[in-house]
């Protein structure tokens, strides 16, 4: 973690070697002049949509979409990524739900590259993954080690 609690160092999901400073108060990011050796999560940076970040802090795992933050406890909130009908599997819907309400929903066209939304939905189904990442990412992980996971 950085000296202040308002930012964390995260790996950019699309650009493998880029470490960003994620500003937790606003859900924005900036680049480092000299990136730290350890990162605490992964961010998906997009031009027209809110940026998304999953990071560890104080032994807990957090999901942040724009300025909104959600604690990822053992089984809540529920994260899913489903194919939409009549799109031949190329259109998906990423959804974050809490009992009785939708916290975030985003429909998108998938490409041939790695899919952050599908990766997160699949990994987050495992409560053990949430707990292990919360502990490990809170302490910090080398960027090559995190990228391999």
C-alpha atoms as a PDB file:
ATOM      1  CA  UNK A   1       0.000   0.000   0.000  1.00  0.00           C
ATOM      2  CA  UNK A   2       1.027   3.526  -0.475  1.00  0.00           C
ATOM      3  CA  UNK A   3       1.639   5.826   2.457  1.00  0.00           C
ATOM      4  CA  UNK A   4      -1.896   7.179   2.338  1.00  0.00           C
ATOM      5  CA  UNK A   5      -4.998   4.996   2.476  1.00  0.00           C
ATOM      6  CA  UNK A   6      -6.541   6.832  -0.483  1.00  0.00           C
ATOM      7  CA  UNK A   7      -4.587   4.862  -3.102  1.00  0.00           C
ATOM      8  CA  UNK A   8      -3.277   1.393  -3.873  1.00  0.00           C
ATOM      9  CA  UNK A   9      -0.910   0.103  -6.510  1.00  0.00           C
ATOM     10  CA  UNK A  10      -2.627  -2.203  -9.000  1.00  0.00           C
ATOM     11  CA  UNK A  11      -1.762  -4.062 -12.168  1.00  0.00           C
ATOM     12  CA  UNK A  12      -3.498  -3.004 -15.367  1.00  0.00           C
ATOM     13  CA  UNK A  13      -5.433  -6.044 -16.636  1.00  0.00           C
ATOM     14  CA  UNK A  14      -4.928  -5.277 -20.338  1.00  0.00           C
ATOM     15  CA  UNK A  15      -1.395  -3.907 -20.297  1.00  0.00           C
ATOM     16  CA  UNK A  16       0.576  -6.631 -18.589  1.00  0.00           C
ATOM     17  CA  UNK A  17       3.530  -4.663 -17.281  1.00  0.00           C
ATOM     18  CA  UNK A  18       1.828  -1.425 -16.249  1.00  0.00           C
ATOM     19  CA  UNK A  19       1.363  -0.644 -12.563  1.00  0.00           C
ATOM     20  CA  UNK A  20      -1.149   2.088 -11.785  1.00  0.00           C
ATOM     21  CA  UNK A  21      -1.954   4.128  -8.719  1.00  0.00           C
ATOM     22  CA  UNK A  22      -5.651   3.455  -8.051  1.00  0.00           C
ATOM     23  CA  UNK A  23      -7.391   6.279  -6.171  1.00  0.00           C
ATOM     24  CA  UNK A  24      -9.961   4.574  -3.951  1.00  0.00           C
ATOM     25  CA  UNK A  25     -11.933   7.706  -3.109  1.00  0.00           C
ATOM     26  CA  UNK A  26     -12.799   8.493  -6.728  1.00  0.00           C
ATOM     27  CA  UNK A  27     -12.284   5.264  -8.658  1.00  0.00           C
ATOM     28  CA  UNK A  28      -9.737   6.936 -10.901  1.00  0.00           C
ATOM     29  CA  UNK A  29      -6.100   6.176 -11.588  1.00  0.00           C
ATOM     30  CA  UNK A  30      -2.796   7.781 -12.428  1.00  0.00           C
ATOM     31  CA  UNK A  31       0.563   6.516 -13.571  1.00  0.00           C
ATOM     32  CA  UNK A  32       3.637   6.188 -11.408  1.00  0.00           C
ATOM     33  CA  UNK A  33       6.931   7.847 -12.217  1.00  0.00           C
ATOM     34  CA  UNK A  34       8.600   5.011 -10.317  1.00  0.00           C
ATOM     35  CA  UNK A  35       6.195   2.065  -9.758  1.00  0.00           C
ATOM     36  CA  UNK A  36       6.458   0.157  -6.481  1.00  0.00           C
ATOM     37  CA  UNK A  37       7.562  -3.499  -6.607  1.00  0.00           C
ATOM     38  CA  UNK A  38       4.354  -4.822  -4.995  1.00  0.00           C
ATOM     39  CA  UNK A  39       0.778  -4.521  -6.203  1.00  0.00           C
ATOM     40  CA  UNK A  40      -2.470  -5.011  -4.306  1.00  0.00           C
ATOM     41  CA  UNK A  41      -4.954  -5.789  -7.047  1.00  0.00           C
ATOM     42  CA  UNK A  42      -6.010  -5.638 -10.674  1.00  0.00           C
ATOM     43  CA  UNK A  43      -7.777  -2.828 -12.542  1.00  0.00           C
ATOM     44  CA  UNK A  44      -9.650  -2.725 -15.824  1.00  0.00           C
ATOM     45  CA  UNK A  45      -9.207   0.713 -17.367  1.00  0.00           C
ATOM     46  CA  UNK A  46     -11.765   1.697 -20.008  1.00  0.00           C
ATOM     47  CA  UNK A  47     -12.255   4.867 -22.014  1.00  0.00           C
ATOM     48  CA  UNK A  48     -16.021   5.332 -21.870  1.00  0.00           C
ATOM     49  CA  UNK A  49     -17.150   3.229 -18.918  1.00  0.00           C
ATOM     50  CA  UNK A  50     -16.357   3.435 -15.231  1.00  0.00           C
ATOM     51  CA  UNK A  51     -13.042   1.865 -14.365  1.00  0.00           C
ATOM     52  CA  UNK A  52     -13.151  -1.320 -12.296  1.00  0.00           C
ATOM     53  CA  UNK A  53     -10.684  -2.531  -9.708  1.00  0.00           C
ATOM     54  CA  UNK A  54     -10.414  -5.524  -7.385  1.00  0.00           C
ATOM     55  CA  UNK A  55      -7.905  -5.052  -4.590  1.00  0.00           C
ATOM     56  CA  UNK A  56      -6.946  -6.224  -1.114  1.00  0.00           C
ATOM     57  CA  UNK A  57      -6.901  -3.890   1.842  1.00  0.00           C
ATOM     58  CA  UNK A  58      -6.588  -4.638   5.568  1.00  0.00           C
ATOM     59  CA  UNK A  59      -7.251  -8.345   5.016  1.00  0.00           C
ATOM     60  CA  UNK A  60     -10.421  -7.764   2.982  1.00  0.00           C
ATOM     61  CA  UNK A  61     -11.127  -7.924  -0.726  1.00  0.00           C
ATOM     62  CA  UNK A  62     -12.812  -4.921  -2.358  1.00  0.00           C
ATOM     63  CA  UNK A  63     -14.506  -4.433  -5.702  1.00  0.00           C
ATOM     64  CA  UNK A  64     -14.701  -0.854  -6.914  1.00  0.00           C
ATOM     65  CA  UNK A  65     -16.670   0.309  -9.945  1.00  0.00           C
ATOM     66  CA  UNK A  66     -16.176   4.004 -10.483  1.00  0.00           C
ATOM     67  CA  UNK A  67     -16.564   5.618  -7.053  1.00  0.00           C
ATOM     68  CA  UNK A  68     -18.760   2.786  -5.687  1.00  0.00           C
ATOM     69  CA  UNK A  69     -17.042   0.207  -3.476  1.00  0.00           C
ATOM     70  CA  UNK A  70     -18.249  -3.218  -2.401  1.00  0.00           C
ATOM     71  CA  UNK A  71     -16.670  -5.530   0.160  1.00  0.00           C
ATOM     72  CA  UNK A  72     -16.311  -9.016  -1.313  1.00  0.00           C
ATOM     73  CA  UNK A  73     -17.043 -11.206   1.665  1.00  0.00           C
ATOM     74  CA  UNK A  74     -17.268 -14.999   1.534  1.00  0.00           C
ATOM     75  CA  UNK A  75     -20.296 -15.259  -0.767  1.00  0.00           C
ATOM     76  CA  UNK A  76     -21.622 -11.750  -1.179  1.00  0.00           C
ATOM     77  CA  UNK A  77     -22.091  -9.834  -3.336  1.00  0.00           C
ATOM     78  CA  UNK A  78     -22.742 -12.355  -6.088  1.00  0.00           C
ATOM     79  CA  UNK A  79     -20.846 -11.720  -9.323  1.00  0.00           C
ATOM     80  CA  UNK A  80     -21.925 -13.267 -12.609  1.00  0.00           C
ATOM     81  CA  UNK A  81     -21.128 -13.044 -16.283  1.00  0.00           C
ATOM     82  CA  UNK A  82     -23.679 -14.536 -18.659  1.00  0.00           C
ATOM     83  CA  UNK A  83     -24.152 -14.727 -22.406  1.00  0.00           C
ATOM     84  CA  UNK A  84     -27.074 -12.838 -23.836  1.00  0.00           C
ATOM     85  CA  UNK A  85     -29.490 -14.584 -26.152  1.00  0.00           C
ATOM     86  CA  UNK A  86     -29.192 -14.340 -29.940  1.00  0.00           C
ATOM     87  CA  UNK A  87     -25.647 -12.968 -29.883  1.00  0.00           C
ATOM     88  CA  UNK A  88     -23.788 -16.219 -30.669  1.00  0.00           C
ATOM     89  CA  UNK A  89     -21.941 -15.798 -27.365  1.00  0.00           C
ATOM     90  CA  UNK A  90     -20.309 -12.493 -28.323  1.00  0.00           C
ATOM     91  CA  UNK A  91     -22.460 -10.291 -26.081  1.00  0.00           C
ATOM     92  CA  UNK A  92     -22.303 -10.781 -22.316  1.00  0.00           C
ATOM     93  CA  UNK A  93     -23.796  -9.220 -19.217  1.00  0.00           C
ATOM     94  CA  UNK A  94     -21.658  -8.676 -16.110  1.00  0.00           C
ATOM     95  CA  UNK A  95     -23.763  -8.306 -12.976  1.00  0.00           C
ATOM     96  CA  UNK A  96     -23.030  -7.655  -9.310  1.00  0.00           C
ATOM     97  CA  UNK A  97     -25.995  -8.419  -7.060  1.00  0.00           C
ATOM     98  CA  UNK A  98     -26.720  -8.339  -3.365  1.00  0.00           C
ATOM     99  CA  UNK A  99     -29.779 -10.099  -1.954  1.00  0.00           C
ATOM    100  CA  UNK A 100     -32.787  -8.419  -3.513  1.00  0.00           C
ATOM    101  CA  UNK A 101     -31.026  -5.781  -5.622  1.00  0.00           C
ATOM    102  CA  UNK A 102     -28.695  -5.233  -8.552  1.00  0.00           C
ATOM    103  CA  UNK A 103     -25.604  -3.230  -7.571  1.00  0.00           C
ATOM    104  CA  UNK A 104     -24.095  -3.029 -11.064  1.00  0.00           C
ATOM    105  CA  UNK A 105     -24.951  -4.374 -14.497  1.00  0.00           C
ATOM    106  CA  UNK A 106     -23.025  -3.935 -17.724  1.00  0.00           C
ATOM    107  CA  UNK A 107     -23.681  -5.447 -21.153  1.00  0.00           C
ATOM    108  CA  UNK A 108     -20.692  -5.628 -23.478  1.00  0.00           C
ATOM    109  CA  UNK A 109     -19.370  -7.227 -26.638  1.00  0.00           C
ATOM    110  CA  UNK A 110     -16.624  -9.729 -25.980  1.00  0.00           C
ATOM    111  CA  UNK A 111     -13.544  -9.985 -28.151  1.00  0.00           C
ATOM    112  CA  UNK A 112     -10.964 -12.723 -28.593  1.00  0.00           C
ATOM    113  CA  UNK A 113      -8.688 -11.423 -25.819  1.00  0.00           C
ATOM    114  CA  UNK A 114      -8.799 -12.081 -22.115  1.00  0.00           C
ATOM    115  CA  UNK A 115     -12.096 -11.087 -20.557  1.00  0.00           C
ATOM    116  CA  UNK A 116     -11.780  -9.345 -17.175  1.00  0.00           C
ATOM    117  CA  UNK A 117     -15.486  -9.700 -16.392  1.00  0.00           C
ATOM    118  CA  UNK A 118     -15.576 -13.435 -17.076  1.00  0.00           C
ATOM    119  CA  UNK A 119     -12.326 -13.974 -15.174  1.00  0.00           C
ATOM    120  CA  UNK A 120     -13.636 -12.101 -12.133  1.00  0.00           C
ATOM    121  CA  UNK A 121     -17.051 -13.799 -12.165  1.00  0.00           C
ATOM    122  CA  UNK A 122     -15.467 -17.246 -12.375  1.00  0.00           C
ATOM    123  CA  UNK A 123     -12.833 -16.615  -9.691  1.00  0.00           C
ATOM    124  CA  UNK A 124     -15.229 -14.863  -7.289  1.00  0.00           C
ATOM    125  CA  UNK A 125     -17.545 -17.892  -7.187  1.00  0.00           C
ATOM    126  CA  UNK A 126     -14.944 -19.539  -4.965  1.00  0.00           C
ATOM    127  CA  UNK A 127     -15.111 -18.221  -1.370  1.00  0.00           C
ATOM    128  CA  UNK A 128     -11.601 -19.606  -0.829  1.00  0.00           C
ATOM    129  CA  UNK A 129     -10.272 -17.457  -3.691  1.00  0.00           C
ATOM    130  CA  UNK A 130     -11.860 -14.371  -2.149  1.00  0.00           C
ATOM    131  CA  UNK A 131     -10.308 -15.094   1.252  1.00  0.00           C
ATOM    132  CA  UNK A 132      -6.862 -16.025  -0.109  1.00  0.00           C
ATOM    133  CA  UNK A 133      -6.684 -12.965  -2.388  1.00  0.00           C
ATOM    134  CA  UNK A 134      -7.850 -10.693   0.418  1.00  0.00           C
ATOM    135  CA  UNK A 135      -4.945 -11.802   2.626  1.00  0.00           C
ATOM    136  CA  UNK A 136      -2.298 -12.039  -0.088  1.00  0.00           C
ATOM    137  CA  UNK A 137      -3.175  -8.862  -1.972  1.00  0.00           C
ATOM    138  CA  UNK A 138      -3.421  -6.850   1.272  1.00  0.00           C
ATOM    139  CA  UNK A 139       0.223  -7.696   1.949  1.00  0.00           C
ATOM    140  CA  UNK A 140       1.233  -7.043  -1.652  1.00  0.00           C
ATOM    141  CA  UNK A 141       2.258  -9.339  -4.484  1.00  0.00           C
ATOM    142  CA  UNK A 142       4.971  -9.018  -7.099  1.00  0.00           C
ATOM    143  CA  UNK A 143       3.390  -7.946 -10.386  1.00  0.00           C
ATOM    144  CA  UNK A 144       4.696 -10.952 -12.334  1.00  0.00           C
ATOM    145  CA  UNK A 145       3.328 -13.271  -9.648  1.00  0.00           C
ATOM    146  CA  UNK A 146      -0.090 -11.595  -9.741  1.00  0.00           C
ATOM    147  CA  UNK A 147      -0.177 -11.617 -13.527  1.00  0.00           C
ATOM    148  CA  UNK A 148       0.473 -15.379 -13.559  1.00  0.00           C
ATOM    149  CA  UNK A 149      -2.519 -15.926 -11.256  1.00  0.00           C
END
